[in-house]
PDB file of N, CA and C in Angstrom:
ATOM      1  N   UNK A   1       0.838  -1.165   0.000  1.00  0.00           N
ATOM      2  CA  UNK A   1       0.000   0.000   0.000  1.00  0.00           C
ATOM      3  C   UNK A   1       0.891   1.239   0.000  1.00  0.00           C
ATOM      4  N   UNK A   2       0.525   2.186  -0.848  1.00  0.00           N
ATOM      5  CA  UNK A   2       1.331   3.406  -0.939  1.00  0.00           C
ATOM      6  C   UNK A   2       0.861   4.413   0.107  1.00  0.00           C
ATOM      7  N   UNK A   3       1.679   5.395   0.354  1.00  0.00           N
ATOM      8  CA  UNK A   3       1.365   6.399   1.364  1.00  0.00           C
ATOM      9  C   UNK A   3       0.303   7.390   0.888  1.00  0.00           C
ATOM     10  N   UNK A   4       0.160   7.600  -0.417  1.00  0.00           N
ATOM     11  CA  UNK A   4      -0.788   8.565  -0.933  1.00  0.00           C
ATOM     12  C   UNK A   4      -2.227   8.090  -0.887  1.00  0.00           C
ATOM     13  N   UNK A   5      -2.463   6.810  -0.890  1.00  0.00           N
ATOM     14  CA  UNK A   5      -3.823   6.273  -0.907  1.00  0.00           C
ATOM     15  C   UNK A   5      -4.313   5.979   0.510  1.00  0.00           C
ATOM     16  N   UNK A   6      -5.593   6.205   0.701  1.00  0.00           N
ATOM     17  CA  UNK A   6      -6.199   5.920   2.006  1.00  0.00           C
ATOM     18  C   UNK A   6      -6.803   4.527   1.943  1.00  0.00           C
ATOM     19  N   UNK A   7      -6.476   3.724   2.917  1.00  0.00           N
ATOM     20  CA  UNK A   7      -7.007   2.364   2.968  1.00  0.00           C
ATOM     21  C   UNK A   7      -8.338   2.397   3.719  1.00  0.00           C
ATOM     22  N   UNK A   8      -9.405   2.002   3.044  1.00  0.00           N
ATOM     23  CA  UNK A   8     -10.727   1.978   3.669  1.00  0.00           C
ATOM     24  C   UNK A   8     -11.159   0.519   3.804  1.00  0.00           C
ATOM     25  N   UNK A   9     -11.707   0.237   4.933  1.00  0.00           N
ATOM     26  CA  UNK A   9     -12.164  -1.115   5.202  1.00  0.00           C
ATOM     27  C   UNK A   9     -13.657  -1.073   5.502  1.00  0.00           C
ATOM     28  N   UNK A  10     -14.406  -2.005   4.982  1.00  0.00           N
ATOM     29  CA  UNK A  10     -15.833  -2.082   5.227  1.00  0.00           C
ATOM     30  C   UNK A  10     -16.077  -2.673   6.598  1.00  0.00           C
ATOM     31  N   UNK A  11     -17.072  -2.116   7.283  1.00  0.00           N
ATOM     32  CA  UNK A  11     -17.451  -2.657   8.587  1.00  0.00           C
ATOM     33  C   UNK A  11     -18.973  -2.657   8.687  1.00  0.00           C
ATOM     34  N   UNK A  12     -19.447  -3.413   9.607  1.00  0.00           N
ATOM     35  CA  UNK A  12     -20.887  -3.524   9.810  1.00  0.00           C
ATOM     36  C   UNK A  12     -21.435  -2.218  10.370  1.00  0.00           C
ATOM     37  N   UNK A  13     -22.597  -1.803   9.867  1.00  0.00           N
ATOM     38  CA  UNK A  13     -23.194  -0.572  10.359  1.00  0.00           C
ATOM     39  C   UNK A  13     -23.853  -0.796  11.710  1.00  0.00           C
ATOM     40  N   UNK A  14     -23.905   0.248  12.492  1.00  0.00           N
ATOM     41  CA  UNK A  14     -24.498   0.192  13.824  1.00  0.00           C
ATOM     42  C   UNK A  14     -25.634   1.194  13.866  1.00  0.00           C
ATOM     43  N   UNK A  15     -26.768   0.768  14.415  1.00  0.00           N
ATOM     44  CA  UNK A  15     -27.925   1.645  14.525  1.00  0.00           C
ATOM     45  C   UNK A  15     -27.675   2.677  15.619  1.00  0.00           C
ATOM     46  N   UNK A  16     -27.796   3.942  15.246  1.00  0.00           N
ATOM     47  CA  UNK A  16     -27.574   5.018  16.200  1.00  0.00           C
ATOM     48  C   UNK A  16     -28.914   5.689  16.469  1.00  0.00           C
ATOM     49  N   UNK A  17     -29.333   5.672  17.726  1.00  0.00           N
ATOM     50  CA  UNK A  17     -30.586   6.302  18.130  1.00  0.00           C
ATOM     51  C   UNK A  17     -30.287   7.654  18.760  1.00  0.00           C
ATOM     52  N   UNK A  18     -31.202   8.601  18.620  1.00  0.00           N
ATOM     53  CA  UNK A  18     -31.002   9.881  19.291  1.00  0.00           C
ATOM     54  C   UNK A  18     -30.925   9.693  20.806  1.00  0.00           C
ATOM     55  N   UNK A  19     -30.298  10.658  21.465  1.00  0.00           N
ATOM     56  CA  UNK A  19     -30.110  10.552  22.908  1.00  0.00           C
ATOM     57  C   UNK A  19     -31.435  10.478  23.645  1.00  0.00           C
ATOM     58  N   UNK A  20     -32.384  11.304  23.247  1.00  0.00           N
ATOM     59  CA  UNK A  20     -33.693  11.309  23.887  1.00  0.00           C
ATOM     60  C   UNK A  20     -34.703  10.709  22.921  1.00  0.00           C
ATOM     61  N   UNK A  21     -34.609   9.426  22.694  1.00  0.00           N
ATOM     62  CA  UNK A  21     -35.499   8.747  21.760  1.00  0.00           C
ATOM     63  C   UNK A  21     -36.844   8.499  22.439  1.00  0.00           C
ATOM     64  N   UNK A  22     -37.911   9.037  21.859  1.00  0.00           N
ATOM     65  CA  UNK A  22     -39.242   8.854  22.424  1.00  0.00           C
ATOM     66  C   UNK A  22     -39.855   7.581  21.864  1.00  0.00           C
ATOM     67  N   UNK A  23     -40.333   6.744  22.735  1.00  0.00           N
ATOM     68  CA  UNK A  23     -40.958   5.494  22.336  1.00  0.00           C
ATOM     69  C   UNK A  23     -42.404   5.536  22.798  1.00  0.00           C
ATOM     70  N   UNK A  24     -43.315   5.259  21.885  1.00  0.00           N
ATOM     71  CA  UNK A  24     -44.729   5.267  22.226  1.00  0.00           C
ATOM     72  C   UNK A  24     -45.146   3.841  22.557  1.00  0.00           C
ATOM     73  N   UNK A  25     -45.645   3.680  23.759  1.00  0.00           N
ATOM     74  CA  UNK A  25     -46.122   2.374  24.198  1.00  0.00           C
ATOM     75  C   UNK A  25     -47.563   2.523  24.662  1.00  0.00           C
ATOM     76  N   UNK A  26     -48.361   1.491  24.458  1.00  0.00           N
ATOM     77  CA  UNK A  26     -49.741   1.589  24.955  1.00  0.00           C
ATOM     78  C   UNK A  26     -49.744   1.687  26.469  1.00  0.00           C
ATOM     79  N   UNK A  27     -50.546   2.588  26.962  1.00  0.00           N
ATOM     80  CA  UNK A  27     -50.611   2.817  28.398  1.00  0.00           C
ATOM     81  C   UNK A  27     -51.512   1.810  29.099  1.00  0.00           C
ATOM     82  N   UNK A  28     -51.633   1.943  30.395  1.00  0.00           N
ATOM     83  CA  UNK A  28     -52.463   1.019  31.155  1.00  0.00           C
ATOM     84  C   UNK A  28     -53.951   1.208  30.885  1.00  0.00           C
ATOM     85  N   UNK A  29     -54.327   2.311  30.233  1.00  0.00           N
ATOM     86  CA  UNK A  29     -55.735   2.559  29.967  1.00  0.00           C
ATOM     87  C   UNK A  29     -56.268   1.688  28.830  1.00  0.00           C
ATOM     88  N   UNK A  30     -55.380   1.117  28.026  1.00  0.00           N
ATOM     89  CA  UNK A  30     -55.832   0.252  26.935  1.00  0.00           C
ATOM     90  C   UNK A  30     -56.126  -1.141  27.487  1.00  0.00           C
ATOM     91  N   UNK A  31     -57.332  -1.586  27.284  1.00  0.00           N
ATOM     92  CA  UNK A  31     -57.764  -2.864  27.812  1.00  0.00           C
ATOM     93  C   UNK A  31     -57.689  -3.919  26.720  1.00  0.00           C
ATOM     94  N   UNK A  32     -57.118  -5.063  27.037  1.00  0.00           N
ATOM     95  CA  UNK A  32     -57.032  -6.143  26.075  1.00  0.00           C
ATOM     96  C   UNK A  32     -58.277  -7.008  26.162  1.00  0.00           C
ATOM     97  N   UNK A  33     -58.593  -7.650  25.053  1.00  0.00           N
ATOM     98  CA  UNK A  33     -59.759  -8.523  25.013  1.00  0.00           C
ATOM     99  C   UNK A  33     -59.406  -9.875  25.616  1.00  0.00           C
ATOM    100  N   UNK A  34     -60.121 -10.251  26.644  1.00  0.00           N
ATOM    101  CA  UNK A  34     -59.968 -11.569  27.268  1.00  0.00           C
ATOM    102  C   UNK A  34     -61.360 -12.158  27.398  1.00  0.00           C
ATOM    103  N   UNK A  35     -61.615 -13.292  26.743  1.00  0.00           N
ATOM    104  CA  UNK A  35     -62.950 -13.884  26.831  1.00  0.00           C
ATOM    105  C   UNK A  35     -63.262 -14.350  28.252  1.00  0.00           C
ATOM    106  N   UNK A  36     -64.540 -14.430  28.563  1.00  0.00           N
ATOM    107  CA  UNK A  36     -64.968 -14.757  29.932  1.00  0.00           C
ATOM    108  C   UNK A  36     -64.584 -16.172  30.342  1.00  0.00           C
ATOM    109  N   UNK A  37     -64.546 -17.103  29.383  1.00  0.00           N
ATOM    110  CA  UNK A  37     -64.229 -18.478  29.767  1.00  0.00           C
ATOM    111  C   UNK A  37     -62.746 -18.640  30.107  1.00  0.00           C
ATOM    112  N   UNK A  38     -61.887 -17.714  29.681  1.00  0.00           N
ATOM    113  CA  UNK A  38     -60.478 -17.782  30.078  1.00  0.00           C
ATOM    114  C   UNK A  38     -60.277 -17.192  31.467  1.00  0.00           C
ATOM    115  N   UNK A  39     -61.184 -16.376  31.915  1.00  0.00           N
ATOM    116  CA  UNK A  39     -61.074 -15.788  33.246  1.00  0.00           C
ATOM    117  C   UNK A  39     -61.557 -16.747  34.327  1.00  0.00           C
ATOM    118  N   UNK A  40     -62.391 -17.717  33.949  1.00  0.00           N
ATOM    119  CA  UNK A  40     -62.883 -18.694  34.914  1.00  0.00           C
ATOM    120  C   UNK A  40     -61.776 -19.688  35.245  1.00  0.00           C
ATOM    121  N   UNK A  41     -61.762 -20.136  36.484  1.00  0.00           N
ATOM    122  CA  UNK A  41     -60.745 -21.102  36.894  1.00  0.00           C
ATOM    123  C   UNK A  41     -61.224 -22.548  36.704  1.00  0.00           C
ATOM    124  N   UNK A  42     -62.463 -22.720  36.283  1.00  0.00           N
ATOM    125  CA  UNK A  42     -62.982 -24.076  36.107  1.00  0.00           C
ATOM    126  C   UNK A  42     -62.415 -24.692  34.823  1.00  0.00           C
ATOM    127  N   UNK A  43     -62.243 -26.006  34.797  1.00  0.00           N
ATOM    128  CA  UNK A  43     -61.722 -26.661  33.597  1.00  0.00           C
ATOM    129  C   UNK A  43     -62.739 -26.610  32.454  1.00  0.00           C
ATOM    130  N   UNK A  44     -62.225 -26.706  31.234  1.00  0.00           N
ATOM    131  CA  UNK A  44     -63.088 -26.656  30.063  1.00  0.00           C
ATOM    132  C   UNK A  44     -63.927 -27.924  29.962  1.00  0.00           C
ATOM    133  N   UNK A  45     -65.136 -27.761  29.533  1.00  0.00           N
ATOM    134  CA  UNK A  45     -66.047 -28.877  29.372  1.00  0.00           C
ATOM    135  C   UNK A  45     -65.886 -29.434  27.955  1.00  0.00           C
ATOM    136  N   UNK A  46     -65.720 -30.741  27.828  1.00  0.00           N
ATOM    137  CA  UNK A  46     -65.482 -31.362  26.528  1.00  0.00           C
ATOM    138  C   UNK A  46     -66.681 -31.180  25.596  1.00  0.00           C
ATOM    139  N   UNK A  47     -67.897 -31.207  26.127  1.00  0.00           N
ATOM    140  CA  UNK A  47     -69.081 -31.015  25.281  1.00  0.00           C
ATOM    141  C   UNK A  47     -69.093 -29.624  24.642  1.00  0.00           C
ATOM    142  N   UNK A  48     -68.648 -28.626  25.410  1.00  0.00           N
ATOM    143  CA  UNK A  48     -68.617 -27.275  24.866  1.00  0.00           C
ATOM    144  C   UNK A  48     -67.506 -27.121  23.830  1.00  0.00           C
ATOM    145  N   UNK A  49     -66.410 -27.850  24.005  1.00  0.00           N
ATOM    146  CA  UNK A  49     -65.326 -27.796  23.023  1.00  0.00           C
ATOM    147  C   UNK A  49     -65.768 -28.440  21.722  1.00  0.00           C
ATOM    148  N   UNK A  50     -66.376 -29.604  21.805  1.00  0.00           N
ATOM    149  CA  UNK A  50     -66.811 -30.317  20.605  1.00  0.00           C
ATOM    150  C   UNK A  50     -67.930 -29.563  19.895  1.00  0.00           C
ATOM    151  N   UNK A  51     -68.841 -28.963  20.648  1.00  0.00           N
ATOM    152  CA  UNK A  51     -69.974 -28.251  20.058  1.00  0.00           C
ATOM    153  C   UNK A  51     -69.649 -26.829  19.626  1.00  0.00           C
ATOM    154  N   UNK A  52     -68.392 -26.414  19.693  1.00  0.00           N
ATOM    155  CA  UNK A  52     -67.947 -25.088  19.283  1.00  0.00           C
ATOM    156  C   UNK A  52     -68.625 -23.970  20.075  1.00  0.00           C
ATOM    157  N   UNK A  53     -69.074 -24.275  21.287  1.00  0.00           N
ATOM    158  CA  UNK A  53     -69.731 -23.259  22.102  1.00  0.00           C
ATOM    159  C   UNK A  53     -68.749 -22.167  22.531  1.00  0.00           C
ATOM    160  N   UNK A  54     -67.502 -22.567  22.797  1.00  0.00           N
ATOM    161  CA  UNK A  54     -66.493 -21.577  23.172  1.00  0.00           C
ATOM    162  C   UNK A  54     -66.226 -20.609  22.016  1.00  0.00           C
ATOM    163  N   UNK A  55     -66.256 -21.114  20.794  1.00  0.00           N
ATOM    164  CA  UNK A  55     -66.041 -20.241  19.630  1.00  0.00           C
ATOM    165  C   UNK A  55     -67.188 -19.249  19.492  1.00  0.00           C
ATOM    166  N   UNK A  56     -68.416 -19.706  19.729  1.00  0.00           N
ATOM    167  CA  UNK A  56     -69.569 -18.800  19.664  1.00  0.00           C
ATOM    168  C   UNK A  56     -69.485 -17.730  20.747  1.00  0.00           C
ATOM    169  N   UNK A  57     -69.095 -18.143  21.959  1.00  0.00           N
ATOM    170  CA  UNK A  57     -68.945 -17.189  23.056  1.00  0.00           C
ATOM    171  C   UNK A  57     -67.855 -16.171  22.721  1.00  0.00           C
ATOM    172  N   UNK A  58     -66.748 -16.651  22.163  1.00  0.00           N
ATOM    173  CA  UNK A  58     -65.632 -15.777  21.825  1.00  0.00           C
ATOM    174  C   UNK A  58     -66.063 -14.740  20.783  1.00  0.00           C
ATOM    175  N   UNK A  59     -66.773 -15.188  19.744  1.00  0.00           N
ATOM    176  CA  UNK A  59     -67.223 -14.267  18.698  1.00  0.00           C
ATOM    177  C   UNK A  59     -68.203 -13.226  19.240  1.00  0.00           C
ATOM    178  N   UNK A  60     -69.138 -13.666  20.073  1.00  0.00           N
ATOM    179  CA  UNK A  60     -70.120 -12.755  20.645  1.00  0.00           C
ATOM    180  C   UNK A  60     -69.447 -11.699  21.521  1.00  0.00           C
ATOM    181  N   UNK A  61     -68.540 -12.153  22.391  1.00  0.00           N
ATOM    182  CA  UNK A  61     -67.862 -11.227  23.292  1.00  0.00           C
ATOM    183  C   UNK A  61     -66.890 -10.310  22.538  1.00  0.00           C
ATOM    184  N   UNK A  62     -66.275 -10.830  21.480  1.00  0.00           N
ATOM    185  CA  UNK A  62     -65.378  -9.999  20.679  1.00  0.00           C
ATOM    186  C   UNK A  62     -66.148  -8.879  19.997  1.00  0.00           C
ATOM    187  N   UNK A  63     -67.330  -9.203  19.466  1.00  0.00           N
ATOM    188  CA  UNK A  63     -68.145  -8.181  18.804  1.00  0.00           C
ATOM    189  C   UNK A  63     -68.584  -7.095  19.787  1.00  0.00           C
ATOM    190  N   UNK A  64     -68.961  -7.499  20.999  1.00  0.00           N
ATOM    191  CA  UNK A  64     -69.343  -6.517  22.019  1.00  0.00           C
ATOM    192  C   UNK A  64     -68.161  -5.645  22.416  1.00  0.00           C
ATOM    193  N   UNK A  65     -66.990  -6.263  22.563  1.00  0.00           N
ATOM    194  CA  UNK A  65     -65.772  -5.534  22.923  1.00  0.00           C
ATOM    195  C   UNK A  65     -65.419  -4.516  21.841  1.00  0.00           C
ATOM    196  N   UNK A  66     -65.481  -4.915  20.577  1.00  0.00           N
ATOM    197  CA  UNK A  66     -65.180  -4.009  19.465  1.00  0.00           C
ATOM    198  C   UNK A  66     -66.172  -2.848  19.405  1.00  0.00           C
ATOM    199  N   UNK A  67     -67.451  -3.153  19.637  1.00  0.00           N
ATOM    200  CA  UNK A  67     -68.477  -2.119  19.583  1.00  0.00           C
ATOM    201  C   UNK A  67     -68.227  -1.063  20.668  1.00  0.00           C
ATOM    202  N   UNK A  68     -67.917  -1.511  21.878  1.00  0.00           N
ATOM    203  CA  UNK A  68     -67.645  -0.577  22.970  1.00  0.00           C
ATOM    204  C   UNK A  68     -66.366   0.218  22.726  1.00  0.00           C
ATOM    205  N   UNK A  69     -65.336  -0.448  22.212  1.00  0.00           N
ATOM    206  CA  UNK A  69     -64.071   0.225  21.940  1.00  0.00           C
ATOM    207  C   UNK A  69     -64.226   1.274  20.843  1.00  0.00           C
ATOM    208  N   UNK A  70     -64.958   0.926  19.786  1.00  0.00           N
ATOM    209  CA  UNK A  70     -65.153   1.870  18.686  1.00  0.00           C
ATOM    210  C   UNK A  70     -65.996   3.060  19.119  1.00  0.00           C
ATOM    211  N   UNK A  71     -66.979   2.818  19.975  1.00  0.00           N
ATOM    212  CA  UNK A  71     -67.821   3.907  20.467  1.00  0.00           C
ATOM    213  C   UNK A  71     -67.003   4.853  21.341  1.00  0.00           C
ATOM    214  N   UNK A  72     -66.086   4.297  22.139  1.00  0.00           N
ATOM    215  CA  UNK A  72     -65.262   5.138  23.010  1.00  0.00           C
ATOM    216  C   UNK A  72     -64.211   5.905  22.215  1.00  0.00           C
ATOM    217  N   UNK A  73     -63.731   5.335  21.108  1.00  0.00           N
ATOM    218  CA  UNK A  73     -62.677   5.974  20.323  1.00  0.00           C
ATOM    219  C   UNK A  73     -63.218   6.926  19.269  1.00  0.00           C
ATOM    220  N   UNK A  74     -64.521   6.960  19.084  1.00  0.00           N
ATOM    221  CA  UNK A  74     -65.109   7.816  18.054  1.00  0.00           C
ATOM    222  C   UNK A  74     -64.918   9.282  18.439  1.00  0.00           C
ATOM    223  N   UNK A  75     -64.340  10.080  17.548  1.00  0.00           N
ATOM    224  CA  UNK A  75     -64.132  11.488  17.886  1.00  0.00           C
ATOM    225  C   UNK A  75     -65.457  12.244  17.953  1.00  0.00           C
ATOM    226  N   UNK A  76     -65.528  13.164  18.879  1.00  0.00           N
ATOM    227  CA  UNK A  76     -66.724  13.974  19.039  1.00  0.00           C
ATOM    228  C   UNK A  76     -66.701  15.100  18.012  1.00  0.00           C
ATOM    229  N   UNK A  77     -67.785  15.300  17.302  1.00  0.00           N
ATOM    230  CA  UNK A  77     -67.867  16.328  16.282  1.00  0.00           C
ATOM    231  C   UNK A  77     -68.595  17.539  16.851  1.00  0.00           C
ATOM    232  N   UNK A  78     -67.948  18.686  16.764  1.00  0.00           N
ATOM    233  CA  UNK A  78     -68.562  19.932  17.211  1.00  0.00           C
ATOM    234  C   UNK A  78     -68.838  20.764  15.973  1.00  0.00           C
ATOM    235  N   UNK A  79     -70.087  21.112  15.777  1.00  0.00           N
ATOM    236  CA  UNK A  79     -70.472  21.879  14.606  1.00  0.00           C
ATOM    237  C   UNK A  79     -70.018  23.325  14.758  1.00  0.00           C
ATOM    238  N   UNK A  80     -69.544  23.902  13.659  1.00  0.00           N
ATOM    239  CA  UNK A  80     -69.063  25.281  13.680  1.00  0.00           C
ATOM    240  C   UNK A  80     -70.218  26.258  13.897  1.00  0.00           C
ATOM    241  N   UNK A  81     -69.945  27.282  14.709  1.00  0.00           N
ATOM    242  CA  UNK A  81     -70.931  28.317  14.976  1.00  0.00           C
ATOM    243  C   UNK A  81     -70.416  29.616  14.357  1.00  0.00           C
ATOM    244  N   UNK A  82     -70.752  29.851  13.096  1.00  0.00           N
ATOM    245  CA  UNK A  82     -70.243  31.013  12.371  1.00  0.00           C
ATOM    246  C   UNK A  82     -70.852  32.314  12.881  1.00  0.00           C
ATOM    247  N   UNK A  83     -72.073  32.256  13.349  1.00  0.00           N
ATOM    248  CA  UNK A  83     -72.716  33.470  13.866  1.00  0.00           C
ATOM    249  C   UNK A  83     -71.955  34.005  15.072  1.00  0.00           C
ATOM    250  N   UNK A  84     -71.541  33.146  15.968  1.00  0.00           N
ATOM    251  CA  UNK A  84     -70.776  33.543  17.141  1.00  0.00           C
ATOM    252  C   UNK A  84     -69.441  34.149  16.716  1.00  0.00           C
ATOM    253  N   UNK A  85     -68.789  33.537  15.730  1.00  0.00           N
ATOM    254  CA  UNK A  85     -67.503  34.008  15.230  1.00  0.00           C
ATOM    255  C   UNK A  85     -67.643  35.404  14.618  1.00  0.00           C
ATOM    256  N   UNK A  86     -68.699  35.624  13.842  1.00  0.00           N
ATOM    257  CA  UNK A  86     -68.920  36.932  13.227  1.00  0.00           C
ATOM    258  C   UNK A  86     -69.273  37.989  14.269  1.00  0.00           C
ATOM    259  N   UNK A  87     -70.012  37.584  15.287  1.00  0.00           N
ATOM    260  CA  UNK A  87     -70.408  38.518  16.340  1.00  0.00           C
ATOM    261  C   UNK A  87     -69.185  39.034  17.094  1.00  0.00           C
ATOM    262  N   UNK A  88     -68.182  38.199  17.279  1.00  0.00           N
ATOM    263  CA  UNK A  88     -66.965  38.627  17.966  1.00  0.00           C
ATOM    264  C   UNK A  88     -66.185  39.648  17.144  1.00  0.00           C
ATOM    265  N   UNK A  89     -66.270  39.581  15.857  1.00  0.00           N
ATOM    266  CA  UNK A  89     -65.498  40.447  14.984  1.00  0.00           C
ATOM    267  C   UNK A  89     -66.249  41.697  14.529  1.00  0.00           C
ATOM    268  N   UNK A  90     -67.454  41.879  14.972  1.00  0.00           N
ATOM    269  CA  UNK A  90     -68.249  43.042  14.614  1.00  0.00           C
ATOM    270  C   UNK A  90     -67.825  44.226  15.484  1.00  0.00           C
ATOM    271  N   UNK A  91     -67.700  45.385  14.864  1.00  0.00           N
ATOM    272  CA  UNK A  91     -67.302  46.555  15.638  1.00  0.00           C
ATOM    273  C   UNK A  91     -68.460  47.549  15.675  1.00  0.00           C
ATOM    274  N   UNK A  92     -68.420  48.407  16.669  1.00  0.00           N
ATOM    275  CA  UNK A  92     -69.418  49.456  16.798  1.00  0.00           C
ATOM    276  C   UNK A  92     -68.842  50.809  16.387  1.00  0.00           C
ATOM    277  N   UNK A  93     -67.577  50.822  16.015  1.00  0.00           N
ATOM    278  CA  UNK A  93     -66.921  52.076  15.657  1.00  0.00           C
ATOM    279  C   UNK A  93     -67.305  52.475  14.242  1.00  0.00           C
ATOM    280  N   UNK A  94     -67.369  53.777  14.040  1.00  0.00           N
ATOM    281  CA  UNK A  94     -67.609  54.295  12.690  1.00  0.00           C
ATOM    282  C   UNK A  94     -66.284  54.816  12.150  1.00  0.00           C
ATOM    283  N   UNK A  95     -65.886  54.297  11.036  1.00  0.00           N
ATOM    284  CA  UNK A  95     -64.631  54.710  10.450  1.00  0.00           C
ATOM    285  C   UNK A  95     -64.815  55.939   9.542  1.00  0.00           C
ATOM    286  N   UNK A  96     -65.960  56.091   8.991  1.00  0.00           N
ATOM    287  CA  UNK A  96     -66.246  57.234   8.125  1.00  0.00           C
ATOM    288  C   UNK A  96     -67.338  58.068   8.771  1.00  0.00           C
ATOM    289  N   UNK A  97     -67.081  59.321   8.969  1.00  0.00           N
ATOM    290  CA  UNK A  97     -68.086  60.200   9.539  1.00  0.00           C
ATOM    291  C   UNK A  97     -68.803  60.909   8.405  1.00  0.00           C
ATOM    292  N   UNK A  98     -70.057  60.617   8.239  1.00  0.00           N
ATOM    293  CA  UNK A  98     -70.853  61.263   7.198  1.00  0.00           C
ATOM    294  C   UNK A  98     -71.796  62.233   7.891  1.00  0.00           C
ATOM    295  N   UNK A  99     -71.637  63.506   7.559  1.00  0.00           N
ATOM    296  CA  UNK A  99     -72.513  64.496   8.164  1.00  0.00           C
ATOM    297  C   UNK A  99     -73.339  65.219   7.136  1.00  0.00           C
TER     298      UNK A  99
END
């Protein structure tokens, strides 16, 4: 290798994160869906497993959970009140004096 040339070697790249990297994580207010039969401590009944009753319960409870979650997450719409806005900007001053 000559002195005039710079020897460059390839190396593996390293991920560099900013010092104050903000990470968004779901908070404790987010509730996960857990079916009622998983919360019970009783053993599963074989008749209910064979008859797909647990699947029906799961689907029913999932639909209710989604409906409640979507209703809570729906943004509230406030209709614009243009009359109030115009009333705030109305002046009582006369700029032109006509006599």
